[in-house]
């Protein structure tokens, strides 16, 4: 219910590291989210392992069927980027495009509305 309320307010939620750890297919049915992130463990093996390519293509197809955006994490080579584009991946991120930068936010720069605070139960 909380994720649905956040989505109704225009706040997008992503399922991170999909395919590893505790992320599982029931999440796709039970929770409202706008983005699905393919874990870097699949991306890193695209050049050498056809099974990883099959998994990535399947996740992309699943995201399309669910109407959610797809993001591939950990892209480090042009070859990986090309294979991801060919699979239909919409967004990629990784060292190929830039290293993480430190986040500098002052408390006064962040505005959280009362509605977001209520839904997220922020204190």
PDB file of N, CA and C in Angstrom:
ATOM      1  N   UNK A   1       0.820  -1.192   0.000  1.00  0.00           N
ATOM      2  CA  UNK A   1       0.000   0.000   0.000  1.00  0.00           C
ATOM      3  C   UNK A   1       0.866   1.260   0.000  1.00  0.00           C
ATOM      4  N   UNK A   2       1.949   1.242   0.768  1.00  0.00           N
ATOM      5  CA  UNK A   2       2.823   2.413   0.832  1.00  0.00           C
ATOM      6  C   UNK A   2       3.478   2.661  -0.526  1.00  0.00           C
ATOM      7  N   UNK A   3       3.969   1.600  -1.179  1.00  0.00           N
ATOM      8  CA  UNK A   3       4.602   1.777  -2.485  1.00  0.00           C
ATOM      9  C   UNK A   3       3.610   2.315  -3.507  1.00  0.00           C
ATOM     10  N   UNK A   4       2.370   1.879  -3.439  1.00  0.00           N
ATOM     11  CA  UNK A   4       1.330   2.381  -4.345  1.00  0.00           C
ATOM     12  C   UNK A   4       1.081   3.857  -4.099  1.00  0.00           C
ATOM     13  N   UNK A   5       1.015   4.264  -2.825  1.00  0.00           N
ATOM     14  CA  UNK A   5       0.806   5.676  -2.502  1.00  0.00           C
ATOM     15  C   UNK A   5       1.972   6.522  -2.994  1.00  0.00           C
ATOM     16  N   UNK A   6       3.190   6.031  -2.827  1.00  0.00           N
ATOM     17  CA  UNK A   6       4.355   6.763  -3.326  1.00  0.00           C
ATOM     18  C   UNK A   6       4.290   6.887  -4.847  1.00  0.00           C
ATOM     19  N   UNK A   7       3.934   5.805  -5.526  1.00  0.00           N
ATOM     20  CA  UNK A   7       3.814   5.839  -6.990  1.00  0.00           C
ATOM     21  C   UNK A   7       2.748   6.835  -7.422  1.00  0.00           C
ATOM     22  N   UNK A   8       1.638   6.896  -6.687  1.00  0.00           N
ATOM     23  CA  UNK A   8       0.573   7.847  -7.006  1.00  0.00           C
ATOM     24  C   UNK A   8       1.040   9.291  -6.872  1.00  0.00           C
ATOM     25  N   UNK A   9       2.064   9.521  -6.032  1.00  0.00           N
ATOM     26  CA  UNK A   9       2.617  10.869  -5.852  1.00  0.00           C
ATOM     27  C   UNK A   9       3.747  11.155  -6.838  1.00  0.00           C
ATOM     28  N   UNK A  10       4.015  10.204  -7.742  1.00  0.00           N
ATOM     29  CA  UNK A  10       5.054  10.420  -8.741  1.00  0.00           C
ATOM     30  C   UNK A  10       6.434   9.980  -8.306  1.00  0.00           C
ATOM     31  N   UNK A  11       6.522   9.252  -7.205  1.00  0.00           N
ATOM     32  CA  UNK A  11       7.810   8.765  -6.711  1.00  0.00           C
ATOM     33  C   UNK A  11       8.008   7.352  -7.240  1.00  0.00           C
ATOM     34  N   UNK A  12       9.086   7.158  -7.990  1.00  0.00           N
ATOM     35  CA  UNK A  12       9.358   5.870  -8.607  1.00  0.00           C
ATOM     36  C   UNK A  12      10.233   5.022  -7.695  1.00  0.00           C
ATOM     37  N   UNK A  13       9.903   3.754  -7.582  1.00  0.00           N
ATOM     38  CA  UNK A  13      10.645   2.810  -6.755  1.00  0.00           C
ATOM     39  C   UNK A  13      11.251   1.759  -7.670  1.00  0.00           C
ATOM     40  N   UNK A  14      12.505   1.371  -7.396  1.00  0.00           N
ATOM     41  CA  UNK A  14      13.190   0.376  -8.220  1.00  0.00           C
ATOM     42  C   UNK A  14      13.461  -0.885  -7.413  1.00  0.00           C
ATOM     43  N   UNK A  15      13.351  -2.043  -8.070  1.00  0.00           N
ATOM     44  CA  UNK A  15      13.799  -3.301  -7.493  1.00  0.00           C
ATOM     45  C   UNK A  15      15.253  -3.432  -7.900  1.00  0.00           C
ATOM     46  N   UNK A  16      16.157  -3.343  -6.925  1.00  0.00           N
ATOM     47  CA  UNK A  16      17.597  -3.347  -7.184  1.00  0.00           C
ATOM     48  C   UNK A  16      18.141  -4.773  -7.137  1.00  0.00           C
ATOM     49  N   UNK A  17      19.230  -5.010  -7.873  1.00  0.00           N
ATOM     50  CA  UNK A  17      19.930  -6.299  -7.879  1.00  0.00           C
ATOM     51  C   UNK A  17      19.004  -7.459  -8.222  1.00  0.00           C
ATOM     52  N   UNK A  18      18.094  -7.231  -9.168  1.00  0.00           N
ATOM     53  CA  UNK A  18      17.131  -8.275  -9.504  1.00  0.00           C
ATOM     54  C   UNK A  18      17.849  -9.527  -9.988  1.00  0.00           C
ATOM     55  N   UNK A  19      17.413 -10.662  -9.471  1.00  0.00           N
ATOM     56  CA  UNK A  19      17.988 -11.946  -9.850  1.00  0.00           C
ATOM     57  C   UNK A  19      18.996 -12.469  -8.856  1.00  0.00           C
ATOM     58  N   UNK A  20      19.297 -11.702  -7.819  1.00  0.00           N
ATOM     59  CA  UNK A  20      20.259 -12.144  -6.813  1.00  0.00           C
ATOM     60  C   UNK A  20      19.648 -11.990  -5.423  1.00  0.00           C
ATOM     61  N   UNK A  21      20.254 -12.625  -4.470  1.00  0.00           N
ATOM     62  CA  UNK A  21      19.851 -12.450  -3.073  1.00  0.00           C
ATOM     63  C   UNK A  21      18.387 -12.727  -2.837  1.00  0.00           C
ATOM     64  N   UNK A  22      17.722 -11.777  -2.186  1.00  0.00           N
ATOM     65  CA  UNK A  22      16.338 -11.964  -1.785  1.00  0.00           C
ATOM     66  C   UNK A  22      15.325 -11.487  -2.814  1.00  0.00           C
ATOM     67  N   UNK A  23      15.797 -10.874  -3.901  1.00  0.00           N
ATOM     68  CA  UNK A  23      14.819 -10.447  -4.906  1.00  0.00           C
ATOM     69  C   UNK A  23      14.308 -11.690  -5.629  1.00  0.00           C
ATOM     70  N   UNK A  24      13.009 -11.820  -5.712  1.00  0.00           N
ATOM     71  CA  UNK A  24      12.449 -12.984  -6.378  1.00  0.00           C
ATOM     72  C   UNK A  24      11.201 -12.596  -7.162  1.00  0.00           C
ATOM     73  N   UNK A  25      10.686 -13.540  -7.897  1.00  0.00           N
ATOM     74  CA  UNK A  25       9.571 -13.248  -8.795  1.00  0.00           C
ATOM     75  C   UNK A  25       8.311 -12.800  -8.073  1.00  0.00           C
ATOM     76  N   UNK A  26       8.115 -13.224  -6.833  1.00  0.00           N
ATOM     77  CA  UNK A  26       6.904 -12.798  -6.120  1.00  0.00           C
ATOM     78  C   UNK A  26       6.907 -11.295  -5.879  1.00  0.00           C
ATOM     79  N   UNK A  27       8.084 -10.665  -5.796  1.00  0.00           N
ATOM     80  CA  UNK A  27       8.157  -9.206  -5.642  1.00  0.00           C
ATOM     81  C   UNK A  27       7.456  -8.511  -6.804  1.00  0.00           C
ATOM     82  N   UNK A  28       7.575  -9.095  -7.990  1.00  0.00           N
ATOM     83  CA  UNK A  28       7.019  -8.472  -9.184  1.00  0.00           C
ATOM     84  C   UNK A  28       5.499  -8.410  -9.142  1.00  0.00           C
ATOM     85  N   UNK A  29       4.901  -9.313  -8.400  1.00  0.00           N
ATOM     86  CA  UNK A  29       3.448  -9.361  -8.279  1.00  0.00           C
ATOM     87  C   UNK A  29       2.972  -8.611  -7.041  1.00  0.00           C
ATOM     88  N   UNK A  30       3.712  -8.757  -5.949  1.00  0.00           N
ATOM     89  CA  UNK A  30       3.265  -8.246  -4.650  1.00  0.00           C
ATOM     90  C   UNK A  30       3.492  -6.755  -4.435  1.00  0.00           C
ATOM     91  N   UNK A  31       4.429  -6.152  -5.167  1.00  0.00           N
ATOM     92  CA  UNK A  31       4.791  -4.767  -4.905  1.00  0.00           C
ATOM     93  C   UNK A  31       4.640  -3.907  -6.150  1.00  0.00           C
ATOM     94  N   UNK A  32       4.313  -2.639  -5.921  1.00  0.00           N
ATOM     95  CA  UNK A  32       4.190  -1.676  -7.009  1.00  0.00           C
ATOM     96  C   UNK A  32       5.528  -0.959  -7.170  1.00  0.00           C
ATOM     97  N   UNK A  33       6.122  -1.052  -8.336  1.00  0.00           N
ATOM     98  CA  UNK A  33       7.402  -0.396  -8.587  1.00  0.00           C
ATOM     99  C   UNK A  33       7.457   0.039 -10.036  1.00  0.00           C
ATOM    100  N   UNK A  34       8.366   0.973 -10.332  1.00  0.00           N
ATOM    101  CA  UNK A  34       8.447   1.505 -11.679  1.00  0.00           C
ATOM    102  C   UNK A  34       9.680   1.095 -12.448  1.00  0.00           C
ATOM    103  N   UNK A  35      10.680   0.523 -11.734  1.00  0.00           N
ATOM    104  CA  UNK A  35      11.945   0.189 -12.384  1.00  0.00           C
ATOM    105  C   UNK A  35      12.465  -1.138 -11.862  1.00  0.00           C
ATOM    106  N   UNK A  36      13.130  -1.855 -12.749  1.00  0.00           N
ATOM    107  CA  UNK A  36      13.762  -3.113 -12.405  1.00  0.00           C
ATOM    108  C   UNK A  36      15.225  -3.001 -12.802  1.00  0.00           C
ATOM    109  N   UNK A  37      16.135  -3.258 -11.860  1.00  0.00           N
ATOM    110  CA  UNK A  37      17.563  -3.119 -12.129  1.00  0.00           C
ATOM    111  C   UNK A  37      18.211  -4.494 -12.232  1.00  0.00           C
ATOM    112  N   UNK A  38      18.811  -4.760 -13.384  1.00  0.00           N
ATOM    113  CA  UNK A  38      19.508  -6.027 -13.605  1.00  0.00           C
ATOM    114  C   UNK A  38      20.840  -5.969 -12.873  1.00  0.00           C
ATOM    115  N   UNK A  39      21.114  -6.964 -12.068  1.00  0.00           N
ATOM    116  CA  UNK A  39      22.339  -6.986 -11.277  1.00  0.00           C
ATOM    117  C   UNK A  39      23.581  -7.085 -12.162  1.00  0.00           C
ATOM    118  N   UNK A  40      24.640  -6.442 -11.701  1.00  0.00           N
ATOM    119  CA  UNK A  40      25.917  -6.420 -12.427  1.00  0.00           C
ATOM    120  C   UNK A  40      26.503  -7.814 -12.630  1.00  0.00           C
ATOM    121  N   UNK A  41      26.134  -8.773 -11.792  1.00  0.00           N
ATOM    122  CA  UNK A  41      26.690 -10.123 -11.942  1.00  0.00           C
ATOM    123  C   UNK A  41      26.297 -10.741 -13.284  1.00  0.00           C
ATOM    124  N   UNK A  42      25.136 -10.384 -13.812  1.00  0.00           N
ATOM    125  CA  UNK A  42      24.733 -10.863 -15.136  1.00  0.00           C
ATOM    126  C   UNK A  42      25.428 -10.062 -16.232  1.00  0.00           C
ATOM    127  N   UNK A  43      25.519  -8.755 -16.031  1.00  0.00           N
ATOM    128  CA  UNK A  43      26.129  -7.864 -17.026  1.00  0.00           C
ATOM    129  C   UNK A  43      27.603  -8.200 -17.222  1.00  0.00           C
ATOM    130  N   UNK A  44      28.317  -8.475 -16.133  1.00  0.00           N
ATOM    131  CA  UNK A  44      29.763  -8.708 -16.221  1.00  0.00           C
ATOM    132  C   UNK A  44      30.108  -9.953 -17.031  1.00  0.00           C
ATOM    133  N   UNK A  45      29.173 -10.883 -17.162  1.00  0.00           N
ATOM    134  CA  UNK A  45      29.448 -12.130 -17.888  1.00  0.00           C
ATOM    135  C   UNK A  45      28.862 -12.158 -19.297  1.00  0.00           C
ATOM    136  N   UNK A  46      28.271 -11.054 -19.727  1.00  0.00           N
ATOM    137  CA  UNK A  46      27.631 -11.041 -21.049  1.00  0.00           C
ATOM    138  C   UNK A  46      28.586 -11.416 -22.177  1.00  0.00           C
ATOM    139  N   UNK A  47      29.839 -10.964 -22.081  1.00  0.00           N
ATOM    140  CA  UNK A  47      30.814 -11.212 -23.146  1.00  0.00           C
ATOM    141  C   UNK A  47      31.224 -12.676 -23.252  1.00  0.00           C
ATOM    142  N   UNK A  48      31.123 -13.408 -22.151  1.00  0.00           N
ATOM    143  CA  UNK A  48      31.701 -14.753 -22.114  1.00  0.00           C
ATOM    144  C   UNK A  48      30.706 -15.874 -21.855  1.00  0.00           C
ATOM    145  N   UNK A  49      29.491 -15.536 -21.460  1.00  0.00           N
ATOM    146  CA  UNK A  49      28.538 -16.558 -21.033  1.00  0.00           C
ATOM    147  C   UNK A  49      27.179 -16.324 -21.688  1.00  0.00           C
ATOM    148  N   UNK A  50      26.814 -17.189 -22.628  1.00  0.00           N
ATOM    149  CA  UNK A  50      25.541 -17.005 -23.334  1.00  0.00           C
ATOM    150  C   UNK A  50      24.348 -17.157 -22.397  1.00  0.00           C
ATOM    151  N   UNK A  51      24.505 -17.893 -21.312  1.00  0.00           N
ATOM    152  CA  UNK A  51      23.408 -18.035 -20.348  1.00  0.00           C
ATOM    153  C   UNK A  51      23.070 -16.699 -19.703  1.00  0.00           C
ATOM    154  N   UNK A  52      24.084 -15.884 -19.438  1.00  0.00           N
ATOM    155  CA  UNK A  52      23.833 -14.554 -18.873  1.00  0.00           C
ATOM    156  C   UNK A  52      23.049 -13.703 -19.858  1.00  0.00           C
ATOM    157  N   UNK A  53      23.374 -13.827 -21.138  1.00  0.00           N
ATOM    158  CA  UNK A  53      22.622 -13.102 -22.161  1.00  0.00           C
ATOM    159  C   UNK A  53      21.167 -13.527 -22.199  1.00  0.00           C
ATOM    160  N   UNK A  54      20.928 -14.823 -22.038  1.00  0.00           N
ATOM    161  CA  UNK A  54      19.553 -15.328 -22.021  1.00  0.00           C
ATOM    162  C   UNK A  54      18.794 -14.799 -20.809  1.00  0.00           C
ATOM    163  N   UNK A  55      19.467 -14.748 -19.656  1.00  0.00           N
ATOM    164  CA  UNK A  55      18.832 -14.225 -18.440  1.00  0.00           C
ATOM    165  C   UNK A  55      18.495 -12.748 -18.622  1.00  0.00           C
ATOM    166  N   UNK A  56      19.438 -11.976 -19.151  1.00  0.00           N
ATOM    167  CA  UNK A  56      19.209 -10.544 -19.363  1.00  0.00           C
ATOM    168  C   UNK A  56      18.041 -10.333 -20.324  1.00  0.00           C
ATOM    169  N   UNK A  57      18.023 -11.050 -21.434  1.00  0.00           N
ATOM    170  CA  UNK A  57      16.923 -10.911 -22.400  1.00  0.00           C
ATOM    171  C   UNK A  57      15.580 -11.258 -21.772  1.00  0.00           C
ATOM    172  N   UNK A  58      15.569 -12.272 -20.934  1.00  0.00           N
ATOM    173  CA  UNK A  58      14.334 -12.672 -20.259  1.00  0.00           C
ATOM    174  C   UNK A  58      13.863 -11.607 -19.283  1.00  0.00           C
ATOM    175  N   UNK A  59      14.797 -11.032 -18.524  1.00  0.00           N
ATOM    176  CA  UNK A  59      14.435  -9.975 -17.572  1.00  0.00           C
ATOM    177  C   UNK A  59      13.908  -8.750 -18.317  1.00  0.00           C
ATOM    178  N   UNK A  60      14.537  -8.400 -19.437  1.00  0.00           N
ATOM    179  CA  UNK A  60      14.062  -7.270 -20.243  1.00  0.00           C
ATOM    180  C   UNK A  60      12.642  -7.547 -20.738  1.00  0.00           C
ATOM    181  N   UNK A  61      12.396  -8.738 -21.252  1.00  0.00           N
ATOM    182  CA  UNK A  61      11.063  -9.093 -21.722  1.00  0.00           C
ATOM    183  C   UNK A  61      10.033  -9.076 -20.605  1.00  0.00           C
ATOM    184  N   UNK A  62      10.422  -9.555 -19.438  1.00  0.00           N
ATOM    185  CA  UNK A  62       9.536  -9.553 -18.283  1.00  0.00           C
ATOM    186  C   UNK A  62       9.188  -8.132 -17.863  1.00  0.00           C
ATOM    187  N   UNK A  63      10.188  -7.257 -17.867  1.00  0.00           N
ATOM    188  CA  UNK A  63       9.930  -5.863 -17.479  1.00  0.00           C
ATOM    189  C   UNK A  63       8.969  -5.198 -18.462  1.00  0.00           C
ATOM    190  N   UNK A  64       9.140  -5.491 -19.742  1.00  0.00           N
ATOM    191  CA  UNK A  64       8.221  -4.931 -20.748  1.00  0.00           C
ATOM    192  C   UNK A  64       6.798  -5.427 -20.522  1.00  0.00           C
ATOM    193  N   UNK A  65       6.663  -6.723 -20.247  1.00  0.00           N
ATOM    194  CA  UNK A  65       5.335  -7.300 -20.020  1.00  0.00           C
ATOM    195  C   UNK A  65       4.664  -6.683 -18.793  1.00  0.00           C
ATOM    196  N   UNK A  66       5.466  -6.301 -17.801  1.00  0.00           N
ATOM    197  CA  UNK A  66       4.940  -5.690 -16.580  1.00  0.00           C
ATOM    198  C   UNK A  66       4.777  -4.180 -16.706  1.00  0.00           C
ATOM    199  N   UNK A  67       5.304  -3.613 -17.781  1.00  0.00           N
ATOM    200  CA  UNK A  67       5.192  -2.172 -17.987  1.00  0.00           C
ATOM    201  C   UNK A  67       6.102  -1.344 -17.105  1.00  0.00           C
ATOM    202  N   UNK A  68       7.273  -1.898 -16.758  1.00  0.00           N
ATOM    203  CA  UNK A  68       8.226  -1.154 -15.931  1.00  0.00           C
ATOM    204  C   UNK A  68       9.519  -0.916 -16.708  1.00  0.00           C
ATOM    205  N   UNK A  69      10.251   0.105 -16.312  1.00  0.00           N
ATOM    206  CA  UNK A  69      11.529   0.426 -16.944  1.00  0.00           C
ATOM    207  C   UNK A  69      12.590  -0.570 -16.502  1.00  0.00           C
ATOM    208  N   UNK A  70      13.588  -0.746 -17.350  1.00  0.00           N
ATOM    209  CA  UNK A  70      14.681  -1.668 -17.036  1.00  0.00           C
ATOM    210  C   UNK A  70      15.997  -0.907 -17.027  1.00  0.00           C
ATOM    211  N   UNK A  71      16.838  -1.199 -16.040  1.00  0.00           N
ATOM    212  CA  UNK A  71      18.147  -0.566 -15.898  1.00  0.00           C
ATOM    213  C   UNK A  71      19.172  -1.674 -15.703  1.00  0.00           C
ATOM    214  N   UNK A  72      20.279  -1.624 -16.438  1.00  0.00           N
ATOM    215  CA  UNK A  72      21.368  -2.584 -16.255  1.00  0.00           C
ATOM    216  C   UNK A  72      22.488  -1.908 -15.477  1.00  0.00           C
ATOM    217  N   UNK A  73      22.944  -2.567 -14.426  1.00  0.00           N
ATOM    218  CA  UNK A  73      24.010  -2.030 -13.576  1.00  0.00           C
ATOM    219  C   UNK A  73      25.360  -2.625 -13.969  1.00  0.00           C
ATOM    220  N   UNK A  74      26.412  -1.879 -13.705  1.00  0.00           N
ATOM    221  CA  UNK A  74      27.760  -2.414 -13.822  1.00  0.00           C
ATOM    222  C   UNK A  74      28.305  -2.533 -15.222  1.00  0.00           C
ATOM    223  N   UNK A  75      27.866  -1.677 -16.137  1.00  0.00           N
ATOM    224  CA  UNK A  75      28.361  -1.732 -17.517  1.00  0.00           C
ATOM    225  C   UNK A  75      29.769  -1.141 -17.550  1.00  0.00           C
ATOM    226  N   UNK A  76      30.733  -1.963 -17.985  1.00  0.00           N
ATOM    227  CA  UNK A  76      32.132  -1.528 -17.996  1.00  0.00           C
ATOM    228  C   UNK A  76      32.765  -1.534 -19.378  1.00  0.00           C
ATOM    229  N   UNK A  77      32.136  -2.193 -20.344  1.00  0.00           N
ATOM    230  CA  UNK A  77      32.728  -2.268 -21.684  1.00  0.00           C
ATOM    231  C   UNK A  77      31.703  -1.890 -22.754  1.00  0.00           C
ATOM    232  N   UNK A  78      32.222  -1.454 -23.899  1.00  0.00           N
ATOM    233  CA  UNK A  78      31.357  -1.150 -25.044  1.00  0.00           C
ATOM    234  C   UNK A  78      30.607  -2.399 -25.494  1.00  0.00           C
ATOM    235  N   UNK A  79      31.270  -3.539 -25.427  1.00  0.00           N
ATOM    236  CA  UNK A  79      30.637  -4.788 -25.826  1.00  0.00           C
ATOM    237  C   UNK A  79      29.408  -5.084 -24.965  1.00  0.00           C
ATOM    238  N   UNK A  80      29.527  -4.893 -23.661  1.00  0.00           N
ATOM    239  CA  UNK A  80      28.382  -5.091 -22.766  1.00  0.00           C
ATOM    240  C   UNK A  80      27.254  -4.127 -23.126  1.00  0.00           C
ATOM    241  N   UNK A  81      27.604  -2.873 -23.354  1.00  0.00           N
ATOM    242  CA  UNK A  81      26.595  -1.865 -23.702  1.00  0.00           C
ATOM    243  C   UNK A  81      25.881  -2.239 -24.997  1.00  0.00           C
ATOM    244  N   UNK A  82      26.629  -2.714 -25.980  1.00  0.00           N
ATOM    245  CA  UNK A  82      26.050  -3.118 -27.262  1.00  0.00           C
ATOM    246  C   UNK A  82      25.103  -4.300 -27.091  1.00  0.00           C
ATOM    247  N   UNK A  83      25.529  -5.292 -26.319  1.00  0.00           N
ATOM    248  CA  UNK A  83      24.682  -6.464 -26.082  1.00  0.00           C
ATOM    249  C   UNK A  83      23.412  -6.086 -25.322  1.00  0.00           C
ATOM    250  N   UNK A  84      23.528  -5.176 -24.376  1.00  0.00           N
ATOM    251  CA  UNK A  84      22.357  -4.732 -23.611  1.00  0.00           C
ATOM    252  C   UNK A  84      21.376  -3.969 -24.497  1.00  0.00           C
ATOM    253  N   UNK A  85      21.912  -3.105 -25.360  1.00  0.00           N
ATOM    254  CA  UNK A  85      21.039  -2.384 -26.294  1.00  0.00           C
ATOM    255  C   UNK A  85      20.318  -3.368 -27.213  1.00  0.00           C
ATOM    256  N   UNK A  86      21.057  -4.371 -27.698  1.00  0.00           N
ATOM    257  CA  UNK A  86      20.460  -5.376 -28.583  1.00  0.00           C
ATOM    258  C   UNK A  86      19.361  -6.167 -27.873  1.00  0.00           C
ATOM    259  N   UNK A  87      19.510  -6.339 -26.560  1.00  0.00           N
ATOM    260  CA  UNK A  87      18.501  -7.067 -25.776  1.00  0.00           C
ATOM    261  C   UNK A  87      17.295  -6.191 -25.462  1.00  0.00           C
ATOM    262  N   UNK A  88      17.418  -4.883 -25.738  1.00  0.00           N
ATOM    263  CA  UNK A  88      16.302  -3.972 -25.496  1.00  0.00           C
ATOM    264  C   UNK A  88      16.362  -3.239 -24.177  1.00  0.00           C
ATOM    265  N   UNK A  89      17.526  -3.248 -23.548  1.00  0.00           N
ATOM    266  CA  UNK A  89      17.668  -2.553 -22.267  1.00  0.00           C
ATOM    267  C   UNK A  89      17.605  -1.044 -22.491  1.00  0.00           C
ATOM    268  N   UNK A  90      16.746  -0.369 -21.727  1.00  0.00           N
ATOM    269  CA  UNK A  90      16.489   1.060 -21.917  1.00  0.00           C
ATOM    270  C   UNK A  90      17.570   1.960 -21.326  1.00  0.00           C
ATOM    271  N   UNK A  91      18.062   1.590 -20.150  1.00  0.00           N
ATOM    272  CA  UNK A  91      19.005   2.443 -19.428  1.00  0.00           C
ATOM    273  C   UNK A  91      20.141   1.577 -18.903  1.00  0.00           C
ATOM    274  N   UNK A  92      21.368   2.085 -19.027  1.00  0.00           N
ATOM    275  CA  UNK A  92      22.531   1.386 -18.483  1.00  0.00           C
ATOM    276  C   UNK A  92      23.319   2.343 -17.608  1.00  0.00           C
ATOM    277  N   UNK A  93      24.010   1.775 -16.637  1.00  0.00           N
ATOM    278  CA  UNK A  93      24.868   2.590 -15.783  1.00  0.00           C
ATOM    279  C   UNK A  93      26.098   1.775 -15.436  1.00  0.00           C
ATOM    280  N   UNK A  94      27.201   2.464 -15.220  1.00  0.00           N
ATOM    281  CA  UNK A  94      28.426   1.765 -14.857  1.00  0.00           C
ATOM    282  C   UNK A  94      29.650   2.599 -15.165  1.00  0.00           C
ATOM    283  N   UNK A  95      30.800   2.021 -14.874  1.00  0.00           N
ATOM    284  CA  UNK A  95      32.074   2.722 -15.020  1.00  0.00           C
ATOM    285  C   UNK A  95      32.362   3.143 -16.455  1.00  0.00           C
ATOM    286  N   UNK A  96      31.765   2.469 -17.436  1.00  0.00           N
ATOM    287  CA  UNK A  96      31.961   2.878 -18.829  1.00  0.00           C
ATOM    288  C   UNK A  96      31.536   4.326 -19.027  1.00  0.00           C
ATOM    289  N   UNK A  97      30.537   4.755 -18.273  1.00  0.00           N
ATOM    290  CA  UNK A  97      29.975   6.099 -18.427  1.00  0.00           C
ATOM    291  C   UNK A  97      30.456   7.075 -17.367  1.00  0.00           C
ATOM    292  N   UNK A  98      30.926   6.582 -16.246  1.00  0.00           N
ATOM    293  CA  UNK A  98      31.418   7.472 -15.201  1.00  0.00           C
ATOM    294  C   UNK A  98      31.490   6.778 -13.857  1.00  0.00           C
ATOM    295  N   UNK A  99      32.439   7.212 -13.073  1.00  0.00           N
ATOM    296  CA  UNK A  99      32.598   6.692 -11.711  1.00  0.00           C
ATOM    297  C   UNK A  99      31.596   7.377 -10.793  1.00  0.00           C
ATOM    298  N   UNK A 100      31.222   6.716  -9.700  1.00  0.00           N
ATOM    299  CA  UNK A 100      30.330   7.365  -8.734  1.00  0.00           C
ATOM    300  C   UNK A 100      30.968   8.638  -8.190  1.00  0.00           C
ATOM    301  N   UNK A 101      30.159   9.642  -7.995  1.00  0.00           N
ATOM    302  CA  UNK A 101      30.633  10.912  -7.437  1.00  0.00           C
ATOM    303  C   UNK A 101      30.043  11.076  -6.041  1.00  0.00           C
ATOM    304  N   UNK A 102      30.776  11.723  -5.150  1.00  0.00           N
ATOM    305  CA  UNK A 102      30.236  11.935  -3.804  1.00  0.00           C
ATOM    306  C   UNK A 102      28.995  12.818  -3.858  1.00  0.00           C
ATOM    307  N   UNK A 103      28.034  12.497  -3.036  1.00  0.00           N
ATOM    308  CA  UNK A 103      26.794  13.252  -2.973  1.00  0.00           C
ATOM    309  C   UNK A 103      26.927  14.306  -1.893  1.00  0.00           C
ATOM    310  N   UNK A 104      26.719  15.548  -2.275  1.00  0.00           N
ATOM    311  CA  UNK A 104      26.803  16.645  -1.314  1.00  0.00           C
ATOM    312  C   UNK A 104      25.441  17.310  -1.242  1.00  0.00           C
ATOM    313  N   UNK A 105      24.737  17.039  -0.168  1.00  0.00           N
ATOM    314  CA  UNK A 105      23.421  17.635   0.020  1.00  0.00           C
ATOM    315  C   UNK A 105      23.385  18.309   1.376  1.00  0.00           C
ATOM    316  N   UNK A 106      22.939  19.536   1.362  1.00  0.00           N
ATOM    317  CA  UNK A 106      22.699  20.220   2.626  1.00  0.00           C
ATOM    318  C   UNK A 106      21.254  19.980   2.999  1.00  0.00           C
ATOM    319  N   UNK A 107      20.997  19.882   4.282  1.00  0.00           N
ATOM    320  CA  UNK A 107      19.644  19.604   4.745  1.00  0.00           C
ATOM    321  C   UNK A 107      18.654  20.600   4.164  1.00  0.00           C
ATOM    322  N   UNK A 108      19.025  21.853   4.058  1.00  0.00           N
ATOM    323  CA  UNK A 108      18.124  22.871   3.529  1.00  0.00           C
ATOM    324  C   UNK A 108      17.816  22.703   2.052  1.00  0.00           C
ATOM    325  N   UNK A 109      18.620  21.924   1.329  1.00  0.00           N
ATOM    326  CA  UNK A 109      18.407  21.722  -0.102  1.00  0.00           C
ATOM    327  C   UNK A 109      17.356  20.658  -0.407  1.00  0.00           C
ATOM    328  N   UNK A 110      16.990  19.894   0.591  1.00  0.00           N
ATOM    329  CA  UNK A 110      16.048  18.798   0.387  1.00  0.00           C
ATOM    330  C   UNK A 110      14.687  19.196   0.928  1.00  0.00           C
ATOM    331  N   UNK A 111      13.678  19.071   0.080  1.00  0.00           N
ATOM    332  CA  UNK A 111      12.315  19.409   0.496  1.00  0.00           C
ATOM    333  C   UNK A 111      11.467  18.140   0.473  1.00  0.00           C
ATOM    334  N   UNK A 112      10.956  17.779   1.625  1.00  0.00           N
ATOM    335  CA  UNK A 112      10.079  16.621   1.735  1.00  0.00           C
ATOM    336  C   UNK A 112       8.709  17.133   2.147  1.00  0.00           C
ATOM    337  N   UNK A 113       7.716  16.874   1.318  1.00  0.00           N
ATOM    338  CA  UNK A 113       6.368  17.354   1.628  1.00  0.00           C
ATOM    339  C   UNK A 113       5.775  16.554   2.783  1.00  0.00           C
ATOM    340  N   UNK A 114       4.769  17.126   3.413  1.00  0.00           N
ATOM    341  CA  UNK A 114       4.091  16.432   4.508  1.00  0.00           C
ATOM    342  C   UNK A 114       3.503  15.110   4.031  1.00  0.00           C
ATOM    343  N   UNK A 115       3.001  15.101   2.801  1.00  0.00           N
ATOM    344  CA  UNK A 115       2.405  13.873   2.259  1.00  0.00           C
ATOM    345  C   UNK A 115       3.458  12.779   2.094  1.00  0.00           C
ATOM    346  N   UNK A 116       4.622  13.122   1.549  1.00  0.00           N
ATOM    347  CA  UNK A 116       5.698  12.140   1.398  1.00  0.00           C
ATOM    348  C   UNK A 116       6.153  11.665   2.772  1.00  0.00           C
ATOM    349  N   UNK A 117       6.292  12.581   3.710  1.00  0.00           N
ATOM    350  CA  UNK A 117       6.709  12.225   5.066  1.00  0.00           C
ATOM    351  C   UNK A 117       5.704  11.251   5.696  1.00  0.00           C
ATOM    352  N   UNK A 118       4.412  11.509   5.487  1.00  0.00           N
ATOM    353  CA  UNK A 118       3.383  10.640   6.054  1.00  0.00           C
ATOM    354  C   UNK A 118       3.455   9.239   5.448  1.00  0.00           C
ATOM    355  N   UNK A 119       3.544   9.175   4.129  1.00  0.00           N
ATOM    356  CA  UNK A 119       3.552   7.881   3.462  1.00  0.00           C
ATOM    357  C   UNK A 119       4.819   7.103   3.791  1.00  0.00           C
ATOM    358  N   UNK A 120       5.943   7.774   3.771  1.00  0.00           N
ATOM    359  CA  UNK A 120       7.214   7.107   4.040  1.00  0.00           C
ATOM    360  C   UNK A 120       7.475   6.943   5.528  1.00  0.00           C
ATOM    361  N   UNK A 121       6.640   7.562   6.357  1.00  0.00           N
ATOM    362  CA  UNK A 121       6.783   7.502   7.807  1.00  0.00           C
ATOM    363  C   UNK A 121       8.159   8.000   8.240  1.00  0.00           C
ATOM    364  N   UNK A 122       8.578   9.110   7.637  1.00  0.00           N
ATOM    365  CA  UNK A 122       9.862   9.713   7.983  1.00  0.00           C
ATOM    366  C   UNK A 122       9.708  10.556   9.237  1.00  0.00           C
ATOM    367  N   UNK A 123      10.710  10.561  10.056  1.00  0.00           N
ATOM    368  CA  UNK A 123      10.674  11.361  11.293  1.00  0.00           C
ATOM    369  C   UNK A 123      11.798  12.370  11.296  1.00  0.00           C
TER     370      UNK A 123
END
